[in-house]
Amino acid sequence: MSTQKCSECQAPFEPRLSVQLYCSATCSARSRQRRHREKQRATSHSSAQTLVALERANGNARLLNAEKQHLRSLQSGTSIVLSKSQETILARDRVIDEQRTQLQQLATRYFDQSGQLAEAKAESVELQLEVSRVLKDRRADLQDLMQIAVRMLQLTDHLGIPLDRPTSDIFHRRGWNTKITEASR
């Protein structure tokens, strides 16, 4: 037999059978999966087209039904039935138009609100990040302040100078000890 190209990967191979199209079972499976996915895409596209066609058909059927009703009322010969039928159709059309308008307004409002919700969520995340950053900064500042206080206590103890009254009040208000232990000296 002669060498031929694999239908999937284009690699040359020598087929074992005259009808063999792929160089391996892997290429055969890949091709089968790709055809399956393409078939699914085509099916979903045709499903959407079918739904559109059904909607059109339903609209046409409604129009035909309305025309049939109109013809029946004309055939009955009574102008009262004709005028009532026309009024009913016109009233129904007005109601349908009003409902369409309301639906469009509701859809617009929904999309506006969903956009505002997304913006609010983004702003909330930004605020949470900012709060987290501020808390982290405050913790770092508190640690720095505590280190300075410890150093100040060590210096006053070393120099033998007692803390002044306002500084001592700050230490007591924060719950910090003003006595230096032997380990801190």
C-alpha atoms as a PDB file:
ATOM      1  CA  MET A   1       0.000   0.000   0.000  1.00  0.00           C
ATOM      2  CA  SER A   2       1.048   3.615  -0.438  1.00  0.00           C
ATOM      3  CA  THR A   3       1.610   6.318   2.150  1.00  0.00           C
ATOM      4  CA  GLN A   4      -1.249   8.748   2.760  1.00  0.00           C
ATOM      5  CA  LYS A   5      -1.887  11.736   5.054  1.00  0.00           C
ATOM      6  CA  CYS A   6      -3.907  11.413   8.242  1.00  0.00           C
ATOM      7  CA  SER A   7      -7.231  13.257   7.887  1.00  0.00           C
ATOM      8  CA  GLU A   8      -6.834  14.708  11.387  1.00  0.00           C
ATOM      9  CA  CYS A   9      -3.171  15.576  12.011  1.00  0.00           C
ATOM     10  CA  GLN A  10      -1.909  15.529   8.399  1.00  0.00           C
ATOM     11  CA  ALA A  11       0.986  13.202   9.347  1.00  0.00           C
ATOM     12  CA  PRO A  12       2.000  10.631   6.689  1.00  0.00           C
ATOM     13  CA  PHE A  13       1.238   6.993   7.537  1.00  0.00           C
ATOM     14  CA  GLU A  14       0.805   3.622   5.844  1.00  0.00           C
ATOM     15  CA  PRO A  15      -2.805   2.455   6.217  1.00  0.00           C
ATOM     16  CA  ARG A  16      -3.478  -1.137   7.268  1.00  0.00           C
ATOM     17  CA  LEU A  17      -6.803  -1.066   5.375  1.00  0.00           C
ATOM     18  CA  SER A  18      -7.655   0.729   2.145  1.00  0.00           C
ATOM     19  CA  VAL A  19     -10.447   2.683   3.874  1.00  0.00           C
ATOM     20  CA  GLN A  20      -8.313   3.821   6.852  1.00  0.00           C
ATOM     21  CA  LEU A  21      -8.378   7.652   7.175  1.00  0.00           C
ATOM     22  CA  TYR A  22      -6.488   8.227  10.438  1.00  0.00           C
ATOM     23  CA  CYS A  23      -2.980   7.347  11.546  1.00  0.00           C
ATOM     24  CA  SER A  24      -4.079   6.310  15.059  1.00  0.00           C
ATOM     25  CA  ALA A  25      -7.058   5.721  17.323  1.00  0.00           C
ATOM     26  CA  THR A  26      -6.251   9.067  19.025  1.00  0.00           C
ATOM     27  CA  CYS A  27      -6.682  11.007  15.751  1.00  0.00           C
ATOM     28  CA  SER A  28      -9.847   9.065  15.009  1.00  0.00           C
ATOM     29  CA  ALA A  29     -11.273   9.940  18.472  1.00  0.00           C
ATOM     30  CA  ARG A  30     -10.252  13.604  18.115  1.00  0.00           C
ATOM     31  CA  SER A  31     -12.006  13.828  14.757  1.00  0.00           C
ATOM     32  CA  ARG A  32     -15.115  12.140  16.161  1.00  0.00           C
ATOM     33  CA  GLN A  33     -15.189  14.566  19.145  1.00  0.00           C
ATOM     34  CA  ARG A  34     -14.744  17.592  16.869  1.00  0.00           C
ATOM     35  CA  ARG A  35     -17.579  16.424  14.585  1.00  0.00           C
ATOM     36  CA  HIS A  36     -19.749  15.833  17.672  1.00  0.00           C
ATOM     37  CA  ARG A  37     -19.056  19.369  18.985  1.00  0.00           C
ATOM     38  CA  GLU A  38     -19.786  20.867  15.557  1.00  0.00           C
ATOM     39  CA  LYS A  39     -23.025  18.905  15.402  1.00  0.00           C
ATOM     40  CA  GLN A  40     -23.989  20.203  18.864  1.00  0.00           C
ATOM     41  CA  ARG A  41     -23.231  23.797  17.835  1.00  0.00           C
ATOM     42  CA  ALA A  42     -25.279  23.376  14.673  1.00  0.00           C
ATOM     43  CA  THR A  43     -28.115  21.822  16.692  1.00  0.00           C
ATOM     44  CA  SER A  44     -28.145  24.674  19.222  1.00  0.00           C
ATOM     45  CA  HIS A  45     -28.090  27.237  16.383  1.00  0.00           C
ATOM     46  CA  SER A  46     -30.886  25.436  14.580  1.00  0.00           C
ATOM     47  CA  SER A  47     -32.819  25.241  17.894  1.00  0.00           C
ATOM     48  CA  ALA A  48     -32.641  29.018  18.209  1.00  0.00           C
ATOM     49  CA  GLN A  49     -33.752  29.396  14.596  1.00  0.00           C
ATOM     50  CA  THR A  50     -36.567  26.926  15.250  1.00  0.00           C
ATOM     51  CA  LEU A  51     -37.748  28.974  18.255  1.00  0.00           C
ATOM     52  CA  VAL A  52     -37.736  32.133  16.142  1.00  0.00           C
ATOM     53  CA  ALA A  53     -39.636  30.314  13.409  1.00  0.00           C
ATOM     54  CA  LEU A  54     -42.150  29.011  15.969  1.00  0.00           C
ATOM     55  CA  GLU A  55     -42.683  32.516  17.335  1.00  0.00           C
ATOM     56  CA  ARG A  56     -43.253  33.806  13.819  1.00  0.00           C
ATOM     57  CA  ALA A  57     -45.586  30.914  13.106  1.00  0.00           C
ATOM     58  CA  ASN A  58     -47.523  31.619  16.315  1.00  0.00           C
ATOM     59  CA  GLY A  59     -47.798  35.273  15.331  1.00  0.00           C
ATOM     60  CA  ASN A  60     -48.952  34.305  11.850  1.00  0.00           C
ATOM     61  CA  ALA A  61     -51.423  31.825  13.323  1.00  0.00           C
ATOM     62  CA  ARG A  62     -52.813  34.556  15.583  1.00  0.00           C
ATOM     63  CA  LEU A  63     -53.119  36.860  12.607  1.00  0.00           C
ATOM     64  CA  LEU A  64     -54.867  34.165  10.605  1.00  0.00           C
ATOM     65  CA  ASN A  65     -57.227  33.490  13.499  1.00  0.00           C
ATOM     66  CA  ALA A  66     -58.002  37.194  13.778  1.00  0.00           C
ATOM     67  CA  GLU A  67     -58.631  37.385  10.033  1.00  0.00           C
ATOM     68  CA  LYS A  68     -60.870  34.311  10.177  1.00  0.00           C
ATOM     69  CA  GLN A  69     -62.864  35.858  13.008  1.00  0.00           C
ATOM     70  CA  HIS A  70     -63.136  39.059  11.027  1.00  0.00           C
ATOM     71  CA  LEU A  71     -64.365  37.191   7.952  1.00  0.00           C
ATOM     72  CA  ARG A  72     -66.924  35.272  10.002  1.00  0.00           C
ATOM     73  CA  SER A  73     -68.243  38.477  11.462  1.00  0.00           C
ATOM     74  CA  LEU A  74     -68.476  39.963   7.970  1.00  0.00           C
ATOM     75  CA  GLN A  75     -70.296  36.895   6.710  1.00  0.00           C
ATOM     76  CA  SER A  76     -72.835  37.069   9.508  1.00  0.00           C
ATOM     77  CA  GLY A  77     -73.933  40.392   8.064  1.00  0.00           C
ATOM     78  CA  THR A  78     -74.447  42.188  11.303  1.00  0.00           C
ATOM     79  CA  SER A  79     -72.607  45.429  11.740  1.00  0.00           C
ATOM     80  CA  ILE A  80     -72.875  45.177  15.521  1.00  0.00           C
ATOM     81  CA  VAL A  81     -70.884  41.957  15.608  1.00  0.00           C
ATOM     82  CA  LEU A  82     -68.383  43.462  13.193  1.00  0.00           C
ATOM     83  CA  SER A  83     -67.877  46.634  15.184  1.00  0.00           C
ATOM     84  CA  LYS A  84     -67.619  44.739  18.497  1.00  0.00           C
ATOM     85  CA  SER A  85     -65.069  42.351  16.992  1.00  0.00           C
ATOM     86  CA  GLN A  86     -63.032  45.244  15.624  1.00  0.00           C
ATOM     87  CA  GLU A  87     -63.234  47.066  18.940  1.00  0.00           C
ATOM     88  CA  THR A  88     -62.139  43.904  20.761  1.00  0.00           C
ATOM     89  CA  ILE A  89     -59.213  43.434  18.397  1.00  0.00           C
ATOM     90  CA  LEU A  90     -58.212  47.084  18.687  1.00  0.00           C
ATOM     91  CA  ALA A  91     -58.556  46.992  22.465  1.00  0.00           C
ATOM     92  CA  ARG A  92     -56.509  43.786  22.613  1.00  0.00           C
ATOM     93  CA  ASP A  93     -53.861  45.335  20.347  1.00  0.00           C
ATOM     94  CA  ARG A  94     -53.726  48.405  22.594  1.00  0.00           C
ATOM     95  CA  VAL A  95     -53.319  46.215  25.684  1.00  0.00           C
ATOM     96  CA  ILE A  96     -50.590  44.198  23.971  1.00  0.00           C
ATOM     97  CA  ASP A  97     -48.787  47.387  22.925  1.00  0.00           C
ATOM     98  CA  GLU A  98     -49.030  48.782  26.467  1.00  0.00           C
ATOM     99  CA  GLN A  99     -47.704  45.522  27.913  1.00  0.00           C
ATOM    100  CA  ARG A 100     -44.803  45.499  25.444  1.00  0.00           C
ATOM    101  CA  THR A 101     -43.961  49.069  26.421  1.00  0.00           C
ATOM    102  CA  GLN A 102     -44.105  48.172  30.118  1.00  0.00           C
ATOM    103  CA  LEU A 103     -41.904  45.119  29.540  1.00  0.00           C
ATOM    104  CA  GLN A 104     -39.365  47.224  27.670  1.00  0.00           C
ATOM    105  CA  GLN A 105     -39.357  49.787  30.479  1.00  0.00           C
ATOM    106  CA  LEU A 106     -38.964  47.051  33.094  1.00  0.00           C
ATOM    107  CA  ALA A 107     -36.122  45.476  31.128  1.00  0.00           C
ATOM    108  CA  THR A 108     -34.383  48.847  30.848  1.00  0.00           C
ATOM    109  CA  ARG A 109     -34.838  49.481  34.565  1.00  0.00           C
ATOM    110  CA  TYR A 110     -33.560  45.973  35.364  1.00  0.00           C
ATOM    111  CA  PHE A 111     -30.407  46.475  33.289  1.00  0.00           C
ATOM    112  CA  ASP A 112     -29.854  49.891  34.891  1.00  0.00           C
ATOM    113  CA  GLN A 113     -30.249  48.434  38.369  1.00  0.00           C
ATOM    114  CA  SER A 114     -27.985  45.473  37.618  1.00  0.00           C
ATOM    115  CA  GLY A 115     -25.330  47.940  36.431  1.00  0.00           C
ATOM    116  CA  GLN A 116     -25.764  49.992  39.590  1.00  0.00           C
ATOM    117  CA  LEU A 117     -25.533  46.821  41.684  1.00  0.00           C
ATOM    118  CA  ALA A 118     -22.272  45.878  40.006  1.00  0.00           C
ATOM    119  CA  GLU A 119     -20.912  49.374  40.642  1.00  0.00           C
ATOM    120  CA  ALA A 120     -22.029  49.216  44.284  1.00  0.00           C
ATOM    121  CA  LYS A 121     -20.364  45.828  44.734  1.00  0.00           C
ATOM    122  CA  ALA A 122     -17.123  47.137  43.232  1.00  0.00           C
ATOM    123  CA  GLU A 123     -17.278  50.194  45.491  1.00  0.00           C
ATOM    124  CA  SER A 124     -17.951  47.949  48.507  1.00  0.00           C
ATOM    125  CA  VAL A 125     -14.904  45.836  47.694  1.00  0.00           C
ATOM    126  CA  GLU A 126     -12.785  48.975  47.335  1.00  0.00           C
ATOM    127  CA  LEU A 127     -14.050  50.264  50.704  1.00  0.00           C
ATOM    128  CA  GLN A 128     -13.345  46.920  52.361  1.00  0.00           C
ATOM    129  CA  LEU A 129      -9.805  47.005  50.989  1.00  0.00           C
ATOM    130  CA  GLU A 130      -9.371  50.567  52.231  1.00  0.00           C
ATOM    131  CA  VAL A 131     -10.684  49.640  55.709  1.00  0.00           C
ATOM    132  CA  SER A 132      -8.321  46.665  55.778  1.00  0.00           C
ATOM    133  CA  ARG A 133      -5.399  48.893  54.777  1.00  0.00           C
ATOM    134  CA  VAL A 134      -6.283  51.497  57.438  1.00  0.00           C
ATOM    135  CA  LEU A 135      -6.596  48.822  60.138  1.00  0.00           C
ATOM    136  CA  LYS A 136      -3.241  47.378  59.123  1.00  0.00           C
ATOM    137  CA  ASP A 137      -1.680  50.859  59.277  1.00  0.00           C
ATOM    138  CA  ARG A 138      -3.253  51.460  62.710  1.00  0.00           C
ATOM    139  CA  ARG A 139      -1.865  48.167  64.009  1.00  0.00           C
ATOM    140  CA  ALA A 140       1.586  49.088  62.720  1.00  0.00           C
ATOM    141  CA  ASP A 141       1.295  52.552  64.255  1.00  0.00           C
ATOM    142  CA  LEU A 142       0.249  51.042  67.593  1.00  0.00           C
ATOM    143  CA  GLN A 143       3.203  48.657  67.542  1.00  0.00           C
ATOM    144  CA  ASP A 144       5.550  51.545  66.747  1.00  0.00           C
ATOM    145  CA  LEU A 145       4.018  53.617  69.533  1.00  0.00           C
ATOM    146  CA  MET A 146       4.428  50.742  71.992  1.00  0.00           C
ATOM    147  CA  GLN A 147       8.097  50.346  71.016  1.00  0.00           C
ATOM    148  CA  ILE A 148       8.681  54.074  71.509  1.00  0.00           C
ATOM    149  CA  ALA A 149       6.938  53.918  74.900  1.00  0.00           C
ATOM    150  CA  VAL A 150       9.083  50.988  75.996  1.00  0.00           C
ATOM    151  CA  ARG A 151      12.220  52.785  74.845  1.00  0.00           C
ATOM    152  CA  MET A 152      11.116  55.969  76.657  1.00  0.00           C
ATOM    153  CA  LEU A 153      10.538  53.995  79.868  1.00  0.00           C
ATOM    154  CA  GLN A 154      13.967  52.404  79.531  1.00  0.00           C
ATOM    155  CA  LEU A 155      15.601  55.817  79.049  1.00  0.00           C
ATOM    156  CA  THR A 156      13.777  57.464  81.971  1.00  0.00           C
ATOM    157  CA  ASP A 157      14.647  54.492  84.187  1.00  0.00           C
ATOM    158  CA  HIS A 158      18.267  54.566  83.051  1.00  0.00           C
ATOM    159  CA  LEU A 159      18.530  58.331  83.622  1.00  0.00           C
ATOM    160  CA  GLY A 160      16.542  58.130  86.841  1.00  0.00           C
ATOM    161  CA  ILE A 161      13.954  60.657  85.668  1.00  0.00           C
ATOM    162  CA  PRO A 162      10.342  59.908  86.596  1.00  0.00           C
ATOM    163  CA  LEU A 163       7.584  60.181  83.945  1.00  0.00           C
ATOM    164  CA  ASP A 164       5.739  63.484  83.934  1.00  0.00           C
ATOM    165  CA  ARG A 165       2.048  63.500  84.883  1.00  0.00           C
ATOM    166  CA  PRO A 166       0.505  63.768  81.327  1.00  0.00           C
ATOM    167  CA  THR A 167       2.715  60.955  79.998  1.00  0.00           C
ATOM    168  CA  SER A 168       1.909  58.792  83.012  1.00  0.00           C
ATOM    169  CA  ASP A 169      -1.829  59.454  82.426  1.00  0.00           C
ATOM    170  CA  ILE A 170      -1.458  58.331  78.801  1.00  0.00           C
ATOM    171  CA  PHE A 171       0.207  55.094  79.930  1.00  0.00           C
ATOM    172  CA  HIS A 172      -2.559  54.407  82.469  1.00  0.00           C
ATOM    173  CA  ARG A 173      -5.326  55.278  79.996  1.00  0.00           C
ATOM    174  CA  ARG A 174      -3.889  52.773  77.514  1.00  0.00           C
ATOM    175  CA  GLY A 175      -3.430  50.173  80.245  1.00  0.00           C
ATOM    176  CA  TRP A 176       0.369  50.119  79.905  1.00  0.00           C
ATOM    177  CA  ASN A 177       2.609  49.410  82.852  1.00  0.00           C
ATOM    178  CA  THR A 178       4.991  52.219  83.863  1.00  0.00           C
ATOM    179  CA  LYS A 179       7.282  49.941  85.888  1.00  0.00           C
ATOM    180  CA  ILE A 180      10.234  48.462  84.076  1.00  0.00           C
ATOM    181  CA  THR A 181      11.051  44.838  84.743  1.00  0.00           C
ATOM    182  CA  GLU A 182      14.605  43.537  85.073  1.00  0.00           C
ATOM    183  CA  ALA A 183      14.313  41.679  81.743  1.00  0.00           C
ATOM    184  CA  SER A 184      13.536  44.906  79.802  1.00  0.00           C
ATOM    185  CA  ARG A 185      16.542  46.842  81.184  1.00  0.00           C
END
